[in-house]
Amino acid sequence: MTEQEFRAVYPLIAGWIQKTLAEHASAARPVASLGFSRLPNYYDEKTLASATVVVVPKVPVPPLSAMGMARFPDFERMDTAGITYLDTYFIHATQARDESLHFHELVHVVQGHILGPEGFLAAYADGL
């Protein structure tokens, strides 16, 4: 995907993310509330208190084809265990107690803080 293509679809993706986060806001819990024993060894208290997690039966993935990005059908069909949007990540219910998966998704939360929302999504899309 070229930078120009990404810039054209970014507002659609960002809007979908905001809508998805709003729809799940009542179920979001601070990661710190999960009581994992090892995460505090790697992430500071502020990160664990501000990052939130939503446990879901199916991890929400943006409808990229409907947004004009037909090149990512595999991503849309992926049955993923977790995905991060801004400071919130979604975990499949079967993986809710997998501390290593929470660690992985928190890496994306930190990356998002460093790169900013648009920069993170651009880097992620480039990796696809």
N, C-alpha and C. Protein backbone atom coordinates (compact mmCIF):
# COMPACT_ATOMS: atom_id res chain seq x y z
N MET A 1 0.85 -1.17 0.00
CA MET A 1 0.00 0.00 0.00
C MET A 1 0.89 1.23 0.00
N THR A 2 0.61 2.12 -0.90
CA THR A 2 1.40 3.34 -0.97
C THR A 2 0.99 4.29 0.14
N GLU A 3 1.85 5.27 0.39
CA GLU A 3 1.53 6.27 1.42
C GLU A 3 0.26 7.03 1.05
N GLN A 4 0.11 7.32 -0.24
CA GLN A 4 -1.08 8.05 -0.69
C GLN A 4 -2.35 7.22 -0.46
N GLU A 5 -2.28 5.92 -0.74
CA GLU A 5 -3.43 5.05 -0.50
C GLU A 5 -3.76 5.00 0.98
N PHE A 6 -2.71 4.89 1.80
CA PHE A 6 -2.94 4.83 3.24
C PHE A 6 -3.60 6.12 3.74
N ARG A 7 -3.09 7.26 3.32
CA ARG A 7 -3.66 8.55 3.75
C ARG A 7 -5.13 8.68 3.35
N ALA A 8 -5.50 8.09 2.23
CA ALA A 8 -6.89 8.16 1.77
C ALA A 8 -7.81 7.32 2.65
N VAL A 9 -7.33 6.16 3.13
CA VAL A 9 -8.20 5.28 3.91
C VAL A 9 -8.04 5.45 5.42
N TYR A 10 -6.99 6.14 5.85
CA TYR A 10 -6.77 6.30 7.29
C TYR A 10 -7.99 6.88 8.02
N PRO A 11 -8.64 7.91 7.51
CA PRO A 11 -9.82 8.43 8.23
C PRO A 11 -10.92 7.37 8.41
N LEU A 12 -11.09 6.50 7.44
CA LEU A 12 -12.09 5.44 7.55
C LEU A 12 -11.71 4.45 8.65
N ILE A 13 -10.45 4.06 8.66
CA ILE A 13 -9.97 3.11 9.67
C ILE A 13 -10.05 3.75 11.06
N ALA A 14 -9.59 4.99 11.17
CA ALA A 14 -9.62 5.68 12.46
C ALA A 14 -11.06 5.81 12.97
N GLY A 15 -11.99 6.10 12.08
CA GLY A 15 -13.39 6.19 12.47
C GLY A 15 -13.94 4.86 12.93
N TRP A 16 -13.59 3.80 12.22
CA TRP A 16 -14.03 2.46 12.62
C TRP A 16 -13.47 2.11 14.00
N ILE A 17 -12.20 2.42 14.24
CA ILE A 17 -11.58 2.14 15.54
C ILE A 17 -12.32 2.90 16.64
N GLN A 18 -12.58 4.18 16.44
CA GLN A 18 -13.29 4.96 17.48
C GLN A 18 -14.66 4.38 17.75
N LYS A 19 -15.37 3.99 16.71
CA LYS A 19 -16.70 3.39 16.87
C LYS A 19 -16.61 2.08 17.64
N THR A 20 -15.66 1.26 17.29
CA THR A 20 -15.48 -0.04 17.94
C THR A 20 -15.12 0.14 19.42
N LEU A 21 -14.23 1.08 19.71
CA LEU A 21 -13.87 1.34 21.10
C LEU A 21 -15.07 1.83 21.89
N ALA A 22 -15.86 2.70 21.30
CA ALA A 22 -17.06 3.23 21.99
C ALA A 22 -18.06 2.11 22.26
N GLU A 23 -18.24 1.23 21.30
CA GLU A 23 -19.19 0.12 21.46
C GLU A 23 -18.78 -0.84 22.58
N HIS A 24 -17.50 -0.93 22.86
CA HIS A 24 -16.99 -1.87 23.87
C HIS A 24 -16.51 -1.19 25.15
N ALA A 25 -16.71 0.11 25.25
CA ALA A 25 -16.16 0.87 26.39
C ALA A 25 -16.64 0.33 27.73
N SER A 26 -17.87 -0.09 27.82
CA SER A 26 -18.39 -0.56 29.11
C SER A 26 -17.75 -1.88 29.56
N ALA A 27 -17.17 -2.62 28.63
CA ALA A 27 -16.53 -3.90 28.96
C ALA A 27 -15.01 -3.77 29.16
N ALA A 28 -14.47 -2.59 28.87
CA ALA A 28 -13.02 -2.40 28.98
C ALA A 28 -12.59 -2.33 30.44
N ARG A 29 -11.51 -3.04 30.74
CA ARG A 29 -10.96 -3.07 32.11
C ARG A 29 -9.49 -2.69 32.06
N PRO A 30 -9.00 -1.96 33.06
CA PRO A 30 -7.56 -1.69 33.09
C PRO A 30 -6.78 -3.01 33.18
N VAL A 31 -5.69 -3.08 32.46
CA VAL A 31 -4.87 -4.29 32.48
C VAL A 31 -4.42 -4.59 33.90
N ALA A 32 -4.13 -3.56 34.67
CA ALA A 32 -3.67 -3.75 36.06
C ALA A 32 -4.68 -4.55 36.87
N SER A 33 -5.96 -4.45 36.55
CA SER A 33 -7.00 -5.13 37.32
C SER A 33 -6.99 -6.64 37.13
N LEU A 34 -6.25 -7.13 36.14
CA LEU A 34 -6.22 -8.57 35.87
C LEU A 34 -5.31 -9.32 36.84
N GLY A 35 -4.41 -8.61 37.50
CA GLY A 35 -3.57 -9.21 38.52
C GLY A 35 -2.48 -10.14 38.02
N PHE A 36 -2.01 -9.94 36.80
CA PHE A 36 -0.92 -10.77 36.31
C PHE A 36 0.35 -10.48 37.12
N SER A 37 1.10 -11.52 37.40
CA SER A 37 2.27 -11.35 38.27
C SER A 37 3.52 -10.88 37.54
N ARG A 38 3.65 -11.20 36.25
CA ARG A 38 4.89 -10.87 35.55
C ARG A 38 4.85 -9.56 34.77
N LEU A 39 3.67 -9.11 34.35
CA LEU A 39 3.59 -7.88 33.56
C LEU A 39 4.23 -6.68 34.26
N PRO A 40 4.06 -6.53 35.60
CA PRO A 40 4.71 -5.39 36.27
C PRO A 40 6.24 -5.42 36.21
N ASN A 41 6.81 -6.56 35.86
CA ASN A 41 8.27 -6.63 35.70
C ASN A 41 8.73 -5.96 34.41
N TYR A 42 7.81 -5.75 33.47
CA TYR A 42 8.15 -5.21 32.16
C TYR A 42 7.48 -3.89 31.82
N TYR A 43 6.34 -3.62 32.44
CA TYR A 43 5.58 -2.41 32.14
C TYR A 43 5.37 -1.63 33.43
N ASP A 44 5.48 -0.31 33.32
CA ASP A 44 5.31 0.51 34.51
C ASP A 44 3.84 0.57 34.93
N GLU A 45 3.65 1.01 36.16
CA GLU A 45 2.32 1.09 36.76
C GLU A 45 1.36 1.94 35.93
N LYS A 46 1.87 3.04 35.39
CA LYS A 46 1.04 3.95 34.59
C LYS A 46 0.51 3.25 33.34
N THR A 47 1.37 2.51 32.67
CA THR A 47 0.95 1.80 31.45
C THR A 47 -0.11 0.75 31.79
N LEU A 48 0.12 -0.01 32.84
CA LEU A 48 -0.83 -1.07 33.22
C LEU A 48 -2.16 -0.50 33.71
N ALA A 49 -2.13 0.71 34.26
CA ALA A 49 -3.37 1.34 34.73
C ALA A 49 -4.14 2.02 33.60
N SER A 50 -3.41 2.53 32.60
CA SER A 50 -4.08 3.28 31.53
C SER A 50 -4.47 2.41 30.33
N ALA A 51 -3.74 1.34 30.07
CA ALA A 51 -4.10 0.43 28.98
C ALA A 51 -5.30 -0.39 29.42
N THR A 52 -6.23 -0.60 28.49
CA THR A 52 -7.40 -1.39 28.83
C THR A 52 -7.52 -2.60 27.91
N VAL A 53 -8.22 -3.59 28.41
CA VAL A 53 -8.43 -4.84 27.68
C VAL A 53 -9.92 -5.15 27.66
N VAL A 54 -10.35 -5.70 26.53
CA VAL A 54 -11.72 -6.16 26.38
C VAL A 54 -11.66 -7.62 25.96
N VAL A 55 -12.30 -8.47 26.74
CA VAL A 55 -12.36 -9.89 26.41
C VAL A 55 -13.62 -10.11 25.58
N VAL A 56 -13.45 -10.73 24.42
CA VAL A 56 -14.55 -10.88 23.46
C VAL A 56 -14.60 -12.31 22.89
N PRO A 57 -15.79 -12.71 22.41
CA PRO A 57 -15.89 -14.03 21.78
C PRO A 57 -15.27 -14.06 20.38
N LYS A 58 -15.18 -12.90 19.73
CA LYS A 58 -14.51 -12.77 18.43
C LYS A 58 -13.82 -11.41 18.40
N VAL A 59 -12.54 -11.43 18.10
CA VAL A 59 -11.74 -10.21 18.07
C VAL A 59 -12.18 -9.35 16.87
N PRO A 60 -12.53 -8.09 17.11
CA PRO A 60 -13.00 -7.23 16.01
C PRO A 60 -11.86 -6.80 15.09
N VAL A 61 -12.09 -6.99 13.81
CA VAL A 61 -11.13 -6.64 12.77
C VAL A 61 -11.81 -5.68 11.80
N PRO A 62 -11.15 -4.61 11.41
CA PRO A 62 -11.80 -3.65 10.51
C PRO A 62 -12.20 -4.28 9.17
N PRO A 63 -13.35 -3.88 8.65
CA PRO A 63 -13.80 -4.40 7.34
C PRO A 63 -13.06 -3.69 6.21
N LEU A 64 -11.82 -4.05 6.02
CA LEU A 64 -10.95 -3.35 5.08
C LEU A 64 -11.47 -3.39 3.65
N SER A 65 -12.04 -4.51 3.24
CA SER A 65 -12.58 -4.60 1.87
C SER A 65 -13.67 -3.57 1.65
N ALA A 66 -14.54 -3.41 2.65
CA ALA A 66 -15.63 -2.44 2.55
C ALA A 66 -15.10 -1.00 2.52
N MET A 67 -13.88 -0.82 2.98
CA MET A 67 -13.25 0.51 2.98
C MET A 67 -12.43 0.73 1.72
N GLY A 68 -12.50 -0.21 0.79
CA GLY A 68 -11.79 -0.05 -0.47
C GLY A 68 -10.41 -0.69 -0.50
N MET A 69 -10.08 -1.49 0.50
CA MET A 69 -8.77 -2.14 0.55
C MET A 69 -8.95 -3.64 0.36
N ALA A 70 -9.16 -4.03 -0.85
CA ALA A 70 -9.44 -5.43 -1.18
C ALA A 70 -8.20 -6.32 -1.11
N ARG A 71 -7.03 -5.73 -0.89
CA ARG A 71 -5.78 -6.52 -0.89
C ARG A 71 -5.52 -7.25 0.42
N PHE A 72 -6.41 -7.09 1.41
CA PHE A 72 -6.14 -7.67 2.72
C PHE A 72 -7.21 -8.68 3.15
N PRO A 73 -7.67 -9.55 2.27
CA PRO A 73 -8.73 -10.48 2.68
C PRO A 73 -8.26 -11.47 3.76
N ASP A 74 -7.01 -11.87 3.71
CA ASP A 74 -6.49 -12.79 4.72
C ASP A 74 -6.53 -12.16 6.11
N PHE A 75 -6.21 -10.88 6.19
CA PHE A 75 -6.25 -10.18 7.47
C PHE A 75 -7.68 -10.14 8.00
N GLU A 76 -8.64 -9.87 7.14
CA GLU A 76 -10.04 -9.79 7.55
C GLU A 76 -10.57 -11.14 8.03
N ARG A 77 -10.12 -12.22 7.43
CA ARG A 77 -10.61 -13.56 7.78
C ARG A 77 -9.84 -14.18 8.94
N MET A 78 -8.77 -13.56 9.35
CA MET A 78 -7.92 -14.09 10.39
C MET A 78 -8.71 -14.29 11.70
N ASP A 79 -8.55 -15.44 12.31
CA ASP A 79 -9.16 -15.69 13.61
C ASP A 79 -8.09 -15.43 14.66
N THR A 80 -7.92 -14.17 14.98
CA THR A 80 -6.80 -13.75 15.81
C THR A 80 -7.12 -13.86 17.30
N ALA A 81 -6.08 -14.04 18.09
CA ALA A 81 -6.23 -14.14 19.55
C ALA A 81 -6.30 -12.77 20.20
N GLY A 82 -5.71 -11.75 19.54
CA GLY A 82 -5.72 -10.42 20.11
C GLY A 82 -5.39 -9.37 19.07
N ILE A 83 -5.83 -8.14 19.34
CA ILE A 83 -5.52 -7.02 18.46
C ILE A 83 -5.60 -5.74 19.28
N THR A 84 -4.75 -4.78 18.94
CA THR A 84 -4.67 -3.53 19.69
C THR A 84 -5.15 -2.36 18.87
N TYR A 85 -5.99 -1.53 19.50
CA TYR A 85 -6.43 -0.27 18.91
C TYR A 85 -6.18 0.82 19.96
N LEU A 86 -5.21 1.68 19.67
CA LEU A 86 -4.83 2.76 20.57
C LEU A 86 -4.40 2.19 21.91
N ASP A 87 -5.05 2.61 23.01
CA ASP A 87 -4.68 2.13 24.35
C ASP A 87 -5.49 0.92 24.80
N THR A 88 -6.29 0.38 23.89
CA THR A 88 -7.16 -0.75 24.22
C THR A 88 -6.83 -1.92 23.32
N TYR A 89 -6.81 -3.08 23.92
CA TYR A 89 -6.67 -4.26 23.09
C TYR A 89 -7.78 -5.25 23.41
N PHE A 90 -8.08 -6.05 22.40
CA PHE A 90 -9.13 -7.05 22.47
C PHE A 90 -8.48 -8.42 22.50
N ILE A 91 -8.95 -9.26 23.41
CA ILE A 91 -8.43 -10.61 23.57
C ILE A 91 -9.59 -11.59 23.41
N HIS A 92 -9.34 -12.65 22.64
CA HIS A 92 -10.34 -13.70 22.51
C HIS A 92 -10.55 -14.34 23.88
N ALA A 93 -11.80 -14.64 24.20
CA ALA A 93 -12.15 -15.18 25.52
C ALA A 93 -11.36 -16.42 25.90
N THR A 94 -11.01 -17.23 24.92
CA THR A 94 -10.25 -18.45 25.23
C THR A 94 -8.81 -18.16 25.64
N GLN A 95 -8.36 -16.92 25.40
CA GLN A 95 -6.97 -16.54 25.69
C GLN A 95 -6.87 -15.52 26.83
N ALA A 96 -7.96 -15.28 27.52
CA ALA A 96 -8.03 -14.20 28.51
C ALA A 96 -6.98 -14.29 29.62
N ARG A 97 -6.54 -15.48 29.96
CA ARG A 97 -5.57 -15.63 31.05
C ARG A 97 -4.15 -15.88 30.53
N ASP A 98 -3.93 -15.74 29.25
CA ASP A 98 -2.61 -15.96 28.66
C ASP A 98 -1.77 -14.68 28.84
N GLU A 99 -0.98 -14.67 29.89
CA GLU A 99 -0.20 -13.48 30.22
C GLU A 99 0.76 -13.09 29.09
N SER A 100 1.29 -14.06 28.38
CA SER A 100 2.22 -13.73 27.29
C SER A 100 1.50 -13.00 26.15
N LEU A 101 0.24 -13.31 25.90
CA LEU A 101 -0.53 -12.60 24.89
C LEU A 101 -0.79 -11.16 25.34
N HIS A 102 -1.10 -10.96 26.60
CA HIS A 102 -1.28 -9.61 27.13
C HIS A 102 0.03 -8.83 27.00
N PHE A 103 1.15 -9.48 27.29
CA PHE A 103 2.46 -8.85 27.12
C PHE A 103 2.62 -8.37 25.68
N HIS A 104 2.32 -9.25 24.73
CA HIS A 104 2.46 -8.94 23.30
C HIS A 104 1.58 -7.74 22.92
N GLU A 105 0.33 -7.74 23.33
CA GLU A 105 -0.56 -6.64 22.98
C GLU A 105 -0.12 -5.34 23.63
N LEU A 106 0.44 -5.41 24.83
CA LEU A 106 0.95 -4.20 25.48
C LEU A 106 2.14 -3.62 24.72
N VAL A 107 2.92 -4.47 24.06
CA VAL A 107 3.99 -3.96 23.20
C VAL A 107 3.39 -3.02 22.16
N HIS A 108 2.25 -3.42 21.58
CA HIS A 108 1.58 -2.58 20.58
C HIS A 108 1.03 -1.29 21.18
N VAL A 109 0.57 -1.35 22.41
CA VAL A 109 0.11 -0.13 23.09
C VAL A 109 1.28 0.85 23.20
N VAL A 110 2.42 0.36 23.62
CA VAL A 110 3.61 1.22 23.76
C VAL A 110 4.06 1.73 22.39
N GLN A 111 4.07 0.87 21.39
CA GLN A 111 4.42 1.31 20.03
C GLN A 111 3.50 2.43 19.57
N GLY A 112 2.22 2.29 19.85
CA GLY A 112 1.25 3.31 19.49
C GLY A 112 1.53 4.64 20.16
N HIS A 113 1.97 4.58 21.42
CA HIS A 113 2.33 5.82 22.13
C HIS A 113 3.53 6.49 21.48
N ILE A 114 4.48 5.70 21.06
CA ILE A 114 5.70 6.24 20.47
C ILE A 114 5.45 6.78 19.06
N LEU A 115 4.75 5.99 18.24
CA LEU A 115 4.55 6.33 16.84
C LEU A 115 3.33 7.22 16.59
N GLY A 116 2.42 7.26 17.54
CA GLY A 116 1.15 7.95 17.34
C GLY A 116 0.21 7.03 16.58
N PRO A 117 -1.09 7.30 16.64
CA PRO A 117 -2.06 6.40 16.01
C PRO A 117 -1.83 6.21 14.51
N GLU A 118 -1.63 7.28 13.79
CA GLU A 118 -1.45 7.17 12.34
C GLU A 118 -0.15 6.47 12.01
N GLY A 119 0.92 6.82 12.70
CA GLY A 119 2.22 6.19 12.45
C GLY A 119 2.20 4.71 12.76
N PHE A 120 1.52 4.33 13.85
CA PHE A 120 1.44 2.92 14.20
C PHE A 120 0.68 2.15 13.13
N LEU A 121 -0.48 2.66 12.72
CA LEU A 121 -1.28 1.97 11.71
C LEU A 121 -0.54 1.88 10.37
N ALA A 122 0.19 2.94 10.02
CA ALA A 122 0.96 2.92 8.77
C ALA A 122 2.03 1.83 8.83
N ALA A 123 2.73 1.73 9.96
CA ALA A 123 3.77 0.72 10.11
C ALA A 123 3.16 -0.69 10.10
N TYR A 124 2.03 -0.84 10.76
CA TYR A 124 1.35 -2.14 10.80
C TYR A 124 0.89 -2.53 9.40
N ALA A 125 0.27 -1.61 8.68
CA ALA A 125 -0.20 -1.89 7.32
C ALA A 125 0.96 -2.23 6.40
N ASP A 126 2.08 -1.53 6.58
CA ASP A 126 3.25 -1.80 5.76
C ASP A 126 3.75 -3.23 6.00
N GLY A 127 3.61 -3.70 7.22
CA GLY A 127 4.02 -5.07 7.56
C GLY A 127 3.13 -6.13 6.97
N LEU A 128 1.88 -5.76 6.66
CA LEU A 128 0.97 -6.73 6.05
C LEU A 128 1.32 -6.93 4.59
